[in-house]
Amino acid sequence: AGVLALRDALKPTARPLLEALRERGIAVEIASGDATATVERLARETGVERAHGDLTPAEKAALIARRHGEGRRVAMAGDGIND
């Protein structure tokens, strides 16, 4: 019996990039289909205040629509086919 745990490594450029965005007044939010616990860990590691996990592609689109409805401009970067 054994346990195998895998974890994606955070790219070394991620933290500096996010900090540069925040310095310019750009809000960063995570919307992911990954497990909520994983997304919350990533948010803590990167200083991102708003993070949403376990989202479907439709839920991600709805989140973007809500941000548009708040008068925000939205840019999105994805790492998967459903983004």
C-alpha atoms as a PDB file:
ATOM      1  CA  ALA A   1       0.000   0.000   0.000  1.00  0.00           C
ATOM      2  CA  GLY A   2       1.149   3.521  -0.619  1.00  0.00           C
ATOM      3  CA  VAL A   3       0.141   7.055  -1.327  1.00  0.00           C
ATOM      4  CA  LEU A   4       1.170   9.075  -4.331  1.00  0.00           C
ATOM      5  CA  ALA A   5       0.609  12.819  -4.341  1.00  0.00           C
ATOM      6  CA  LEU A   6       1.262  15.049  -7.339  1.00  0.00           C
ATOM      7  CA  ARG A   7       1.283  18.813  -7.460  1.00  0.00           C
ATOM      8  CA  ASP A   8       1.859  21.281 -10.277  1.00  0.00           C
ATOM      9  CA  ALA A   9       4.746  23.615  -9.632  1.00  0.00           C
ATOM     10  CA  LEU A  10       4.146  27.340  -9.769  1.00  0.00           C
ATOM     11  CA  LYS A  11       6.138  28.938 -12.574  1.00  0.00           C
ATOM     12  CA  PRO A  12       8.926  31.174 -11.243  1.00  0.00           C
ATOM     13  CA  THR A  13       7.563  34.123 -13.241  1.00  0.00           C
ATOM     14  CA  ALA A  14       4.045  33.900 -11.764  1.00  0.00           C
ATOM     15  CA  ARG A  15       4.540  35.853  -8.540  1.00  0.00           C
ATOM     16  CA  PRO A  16       6.487  38.738 -10.145  1.00  0.00           C
ATOM     17  CA  LEU A  17       3.894  39.003 -12.914  1.00  0.00           C
ATOM     18  CA  LEU A  18       0.978  39.090 -10.488  1.00  0.00           C
ATOM     19  CA  GLU A  19       2.755  41.671  -8.342  1.00  0.00           C
ATOM     20  CA  ALA A  20       3.391  43.849 -11.409  1.00  0.00           C
ATOM     21  CA  LEU A  21      -0.302  43.659 -12.319  1.00  0.00           C
ATOM     22  CA  ARG A  22      -1.350  44.637  -8.796  1.00  0.00           C
ATOM     23  CA  GLU A  23       1.114  47.556  -8.811  1.00  0.00           C
ATOM     24  CA  ARG A  24      -0.691  48.831 -11.902  1.00  0.00           C
ATOM     25  CA  GLY A  25      -4.041  48.614 -10.135  1.00  0.00           C
ATOM     26  CA  ILE A  26      -5.176  45.521 -12.019  1.00  0.00           C
ATOM     27  CA  ALA A  27      -7.271  43.098  -9.968  1.00  0.00           C
ATOM     28  CA  VAL A  28      -6.411  39.436 -10.387  1.00  0.00           C
ATOM     29  CA  GLU A  29      -8.959  36.688  -9.810  1.00  0.00           C
ATOM     30  CA  ILE A  30      -8.659  32.924 -10.281  1.00  0.00           C
ATOM     31  CA  ALA A  31     -11.502  30.995 -11.920  1.00  0.00           C
ATOM     32  CA  SER A  32     -10.606  27.334 -12.271  1.00  0.00           C
ATOM     33  CA  GLY A  33     -12.097  23.930 -12.825  1.00  0.00           C
ATOM     34  CA  ASP A  34      -9.508  22.543 -10.416  1.00  0.00           C
ATOM     35  CA  ALA A  35     -10.522  21.489  -6.910  1.00  0.00           C
ATOM     36  CA  THR A  36     -11.363  24.369  -4.600  1.00  0.00           C
ATOM     37  CA  ALA A  37      -8.659  23.343  -2.097  1.00  0.00           C
ATOM     38  CA  THR A  38      -6.035  23.454  -4.862  1.00  0.00           C
ATOM     39  CA  VAL A  39      -7.229  26.860  -6.060  1.00  0.00           C
ATOM     40  CA  GLU A  40      -7.259  28.252  -2.528  1.00  0.00           C
ATOM     41  CA  ARG A  41      -3.662  27.044  -2.007  1.00  0.00           C
ATOM     42  CA  LEU A  42      -2.602  28.688  -5.256  1.00  0.00           C
ATOM     43  CA  ALA A  43      -4.322  31.921  -4.241  1.00  0.00           C
ATOM     44  CA  ARG A  44      -2.503  31.947  -0.898  1.00  0.00           C
ATOM     45  CA  GLU A  45       0.851  31.277  -2.589  1.00  0.00           C
ATOM     46  CA  THR A  46       0.368  34.109  -5.072  1.00  0.00           C
ATOM     47  CA  GLY A  47      -1.492  36.662  -2.963  1.00  0.00           C
ATOM     48  CA  VAL A  48      -4.635  36.498  -5.101  1.00  0.00           C
ATOM     49  CA  GLU A  49      -7.633  37.565  -3.008  1.00  0.00           C
ATOM     50  CA  ARG A  50     -10.508  36.218  -5.126  1.00  0.00           C
ATOM     51  CA  ALA A  51     -10.338  32.574  -6.147  1.00  0.00           C
ATOM     52  CA  HIS A  52     -13.028  30.176  -7.360  1.00  0.00           C
ATOM     53  CA  GLY A  53     -12.556  26.439  -7.820  1.00  0.00           C
ATOM     54  CA  ASP A  54     -14.612  23.541  -9.186  1.00  0.00           C
ATOM     55  CA  LEU A  55     -16.054  25.770 -11.934  1.00  0.00           C
ATOM     56  CA  THR A  56     -17.415  24.471 -15.214  1.00  0.00           C
ATOM     57  CA  PRO A  57     -16.669  26.385 -18.428  1.00  0.00           C
ATOM     58  CA  ALA A  58     -20.204  27.819 -18.266  1.00  0.00           C
ATOM     59  CA  GLU A  59     -19.639  29.005 -14.695  1.00  0.00           C
ATOM     60  CA  LYS A  60     -16.391  30.679 -15.751  1.00  0.00           C
ATOM     61  CA  ALA A  61     -18.244  32.460 -18.547  1.00  0.00           C
ATOM     62  CA  ALA A  62     -20.933  33.563 -16.071  1.00  0.00           C
ATOM     63  CA  LEU A  63     -18.277  34.962 -13.728  1.00  0.00           C
ATOM     64  CA  ILE A  64     -16.775  36.961 -16.588  1.00  0.00           C
ATOM     65  CA  ALA A  65     -20.254  38.215 -17.528  1.00  0.00           C
ATOM     66  CA  ARG A  66     -20.826  39.333 -13.910  1.00  0.00           C
ATOM     67  CA  ARG A  67     -17.540  41.243 -13.919  1.00  0.00           C
ATOM     68  CA  HIS A  68     -18.563  42.905 -17.208  1.00  0.00           C
ATOM     69  CA  GLY A  69     -21.894  43.780 -15.589  1.00  0.00           C
ATOM     70  CA  GLU A  70     -19.935  45.492 -12.796  1.00  0.00           C
ATOM     71  CA  GLY A  71     -18.341  47.676 -15.451  1.00  0.00           C
ATOM     72  CA  ARG A  72     -14.996  45.886 -15.408  1.00  0.00           C
ATOM     73  CA  ARG A  73     -12.777  45.096 -18.352  1.00  0.00           C
ATOM     74  CA  VAL A  74     -11.740  41.443 -18.268  1.00  0.00           C
ATOM     75  CA  ALA A  75      -8.726  39.660 -19.673  1.00  0.00           C
ATOM     76  CA  MET A  76      -8.356  35.913 -19.314  1.00  0.00           C
ATOM     77  CA  ALA A  77      -5.421  33.549 -19.485  1.00  0.00           C
ATOM     78  CA  GLY A  78      -6.153  29.834 -19.553  1.00  0.00           C
ATOM     79  CA  ASP A  79      -4.088  26.719 -19.180  1.00  0.00           C
ATOM     80  CA  GLY A  80      -6.524  24.148 -20.504  1.00  0.00           C
ATOM     81  CA  ILE A  81      -8.758  23.240 -23.401  1.00  0.00           C
ATOM     82  CA  ASN A  82     -11.938  24.245 -21.549  1.00  0.00           C
ATOM     83  CA  ASP A  83     -10.691  27.812 -21.014  1.00  0.00           C
END
